Amino acid sequence: MPIFILIATLFLNSNIFAHPGDLFYKKGFSYQKKKQYSKAISFYRSAAKLKHPQALSSLGRMYLLGLGTEMDHKLGIDTITLAANLNYLPAQLSLAQICRDGLFEQAIDLHCARRWYQSAFLLSADPDEKKAIQYILENIPR
């Protein structure tokens, strides 16, 4: 019994399953909230090197918008794509919208939009979100 309590305590009180880039991401996020974009980018890049999906997505958005760096739509989309390929749902939804609406100098690509919405649908655990994604999918012309 004592070994079970020890294991349970370690499991509940540890960051054993935390992503190695979490600290860099959180620091970057705090700088972004303060609008200190160049500092945020630096921390996001450190987390991105560790394949942190949220950092990749945030970094990509900063490239798209030119926050703390030169605006670079291709690099922004490529960076968000890395996050989406790591099964990061918000990145998949962002790419789907970019493809569907032809944002950031991209041509409208409904096949691309459909693919990312389908992937996001499979990832989502929220029934309301799934309904919304399904509605969008049903209304994308074939």
Protein backbone atom coordinates (compact mmCIF):
# COMPACT_ATOMS: atom_id res chain seq x y z
CA MET A 1 0.00 0.00 0.00
CA PRO A 2 2.72 2.60 0.81
CA ILE A 3 4.35 2.08 -2.62
CA PHE A 4 1.01 2.82 -4.29
CA ILE A 5 0.69 6.07 -2.35
CA LEU A 6 4.24 7.05 -3.30
CA ILE A 7 3.63 6.35 -6.98
CA ALA A 8 0.29 8.17 -6.92
CA THR A 9 1.89 11.18 -5.20
CA LEU A 10 4.72 11.30 -7.72
CA PHE A 11 2.28 11.01 -10.60
CA LEU A 12 -0.03 13.75 -9.34
CA ASN A 13 2.69 16.18 -8.28
CA SER A 14 5.18 15.87 -11.10
CA ASN A 15 5.54 17.27 -14.54
CA ILE A 16 6.70 13.92 -15.83
CA PHE A 17 4.44 14.27 -18.86
CA ALA A 18 5.13 17.97 -19.47
CA HIS A 19 6.57 18.95 -22.83
CA PRO A 20 10.25 19.98 -22.64
CA GLY A 21 9.41 23.27 -24.39
CA ASP A 22 6.70 24.31 -21.92
CA LEU A 23 8.88 26.73 -19.96
CA PHE A 24 10.08 28.49 -23.13
CA TYR A 25 6.52 28.64 -24.45
CA LYS A 26 5.11 30.09 -21.22
CA LYS A 27 7.84 32.71 -21.06
CA GLY A 28 7.22 33.63 -24.70
CA PHE A 29 3.48 33.85 -24.08
CA SER A 30 4.02 36.18 -21.11
CA TYR A 31 6.18 38.47 -23.26
CA GLN A 32 3.61 38.38 -26.06
CA LYS A 33 0.86 39.46 -23.64
CA LYS A 34 3.07 42.42 -22.68
CA LYS A 35 3.53 43.21 -26.40
CA GLN A 36 7.26 42.58 -26.10
CA TYR A 37 7.19 40.69 -29.36
CA SER A 38 10.90 40.31 -30.09
CA LYS A 39 11.42 38.69 -26.67
CA ALA A 40 8.37 36.49 -27.23
CA ILE A 41 9.73 35.36 -30.60
CA SER A 42 13.04 34.39 -29.02
CA PHE A 43 11.36 32.13 -26.46
CA TYR A 44 8.90 30.72 -28.99
CA ARG A 45 11.82 29.82 -31.27
CA SER A 46 13.51 27.97 -28.40
CA ALA A 47 10.33 26.01 -27.70
CA ALA A 48 9.76 25.43 -31.43
CA LYS A 49 13.19 23.78 -31.71
CA LEU A 50 11.81 21.26 -29.21
CA LYS A 51 8.72 20.77 -31.43
CA HIS A 52 6.34 22.44 -28.97
CA PRO A 53 3.04 22.65 -30.93
CA GLN A 54 1.64 25.75 -29.20
CA ALA A 55 4.92 27.61 -29.63
CA LEU A 56 5.09 26.64 -33.30
CA SER A 57 1.54 27.89 -33.81
CA SER A 58 2.18 31.15 -31.93
CA LEU A 59 5.46 31.71 -33.76
CA GLY A 60 3.73 31.11 -37.07
CA ARG A 61 1.06 33.70 -36.27
CA MET A 62 3.76 36.21 -35.35
CA TYR A 63 5.45 35.64 -38.72
CA LEU A 64 2.10 36.03 -40.49
CA LEU A 65 1.36 39.32 -38.75
CA GLY A 66 4.93 40.66 -38.57
CA LEU A 67 4.94 40.93 -34.78
CA GLY A 68 8.51 41.22 -33.50
CA THR A 69 9.88 40.13 -36.85
CA GLU A 70 9.58 40.77 -40.57
CA MET A 71 6.21 39.72 -41.94
CA ASP A 72 6.72 36.42 -43.77
CA HIS A 73 3.55 34.65 -44.87
CA LYS A 74 5.30 31.57 -46.25
CA LEU A 75 7.36 31.03 -43.10
CA GLY A 76 4.27 31.67 -40.96
CA ILE A 77 2.20 29.08 -42.79
CA ASP A 78 5.08 26.59 -42.84
CA THR A 79 5.53 27.02 -39.07
CA ILE A 80 1.81 26.62 -38.34
CA THR A 81 1.85 23.53 -40.58
CA LEU A 82 4.54 22.00 -38.35
CA ALA A 83 2.21 22.51 -35.36
CA ALA A 84 -0.76 21.09 -37.28
CA ASN A 85 1.27 18.01 -38.22
CA LEU A 86 1.91 17.50 -34.49
CA ASN A 87 -1.88 17.21 -34.11
CA TYR A 88 -2.35 20.66 -32.59
CA LEU A 89 -6.03 21.35 -33.19
CA PRO A 90 -5.92 25.18 -33.24
CA ALA A 91 -3.17 25.07 -35.88
CA GLN A 92 -5.23 22.68 -38.00
CA LEU A 93 -8.24 24.98 -37.79
CA SER A 94 -6.07 27.99 -38.68
CA LEU A 95 -4.69 26.24 -41.76
CA ALA A 96 -8.16 25.12 -42.79
CA GLN A 97 -9.39 28.71 -42.67
CA ILE A 98 -6.31 30.01 -44.51
CA CYS A 99 -6.89 27.44 -47.27
CA ARG A 100 -10.67 27.97 -47.40
CA ASP A 101 -10.54 31.76 -47.52
CA GLY A 102 -7.26 32.27 -49.37
CA LEU A 103 -5.72 34.31 -46.56
CA PHE A 104 -2.13 35.57 -46.36
CA GLU A 105 -1.52 35.62 -50.10
CA GLN A 106 -2.57 31.98 -50.48
CA ALA A 107 -4.79 30.82 -53.29
CA ILE A 108 -8.12 29.37 -52.19
CA ASP A 109 -7.60 25.62 -51.90
CA LEU A 110 -10.79 23.82 -50.87
CA HIS A 111 -9.12 20.39 -50.96
CA CYS A 112 -6.53 21.64 -48.45
CA ALA A 113 -9.27 23.22 -46.31
CA ARG A 114 -11.31 20.03 -46.32
CA ARG A 115 -8.28 17.92 -45.35
CA TRP A 116 -7.42 20.13 -42.35
CA TYR A 117 -11.06 20.40 -41.21
CA GLN A 118 -11.38 16.60 -41.39
CA SER A 119 -8.23 16.17 -39.35
CA ALA A 120 -9.45 18.72 -36.79
CA PHE A 121 -12.83 16.96 -36.63
CA LEU A 122 -11.10 13.69 -35.74
CA LEU A 123 -8.95 15.38 -33.07
CA SER A 124 -11.68 17.37 -31.37
CA ALA A 125 -13.18 15.96 -28.19
CA ASP A 126 -15.73 18.77 -27.83
CA PRO A 127 -19.16 17.79 -29.25
CA ASP A 128 -20.11 21.40 -30.03
CA GLU A 129 -16.81 22.01 -31.78
CA LYS A 130 -17.28 18.80 -33.78
CA LYS A 131 -20.75 19.99 -34.87
CA ALA A 132 -19.32 23.33 -35.98
CA ILE A 133 -16.52 21.67 -37.94
CA GLN A 134 -18.97 19.21 -39.49
CA TYR A 135 -21.20 22.10 -40.56
CA ILE A 136 -18.24 23.84 -42.20
CA LEU A 137 -17.21 20.61 -43.94
CA GLU A 138 -20.72 20.08 -45.29
CA ASN A 139 -20.71 23.59 -46.75
CA ILE A 140 -17.35 23.52 -48.51
CA PRO A 141 -18.06 23.11 -52.21
CA ARG A 142 -16.65 19.96 -53.78
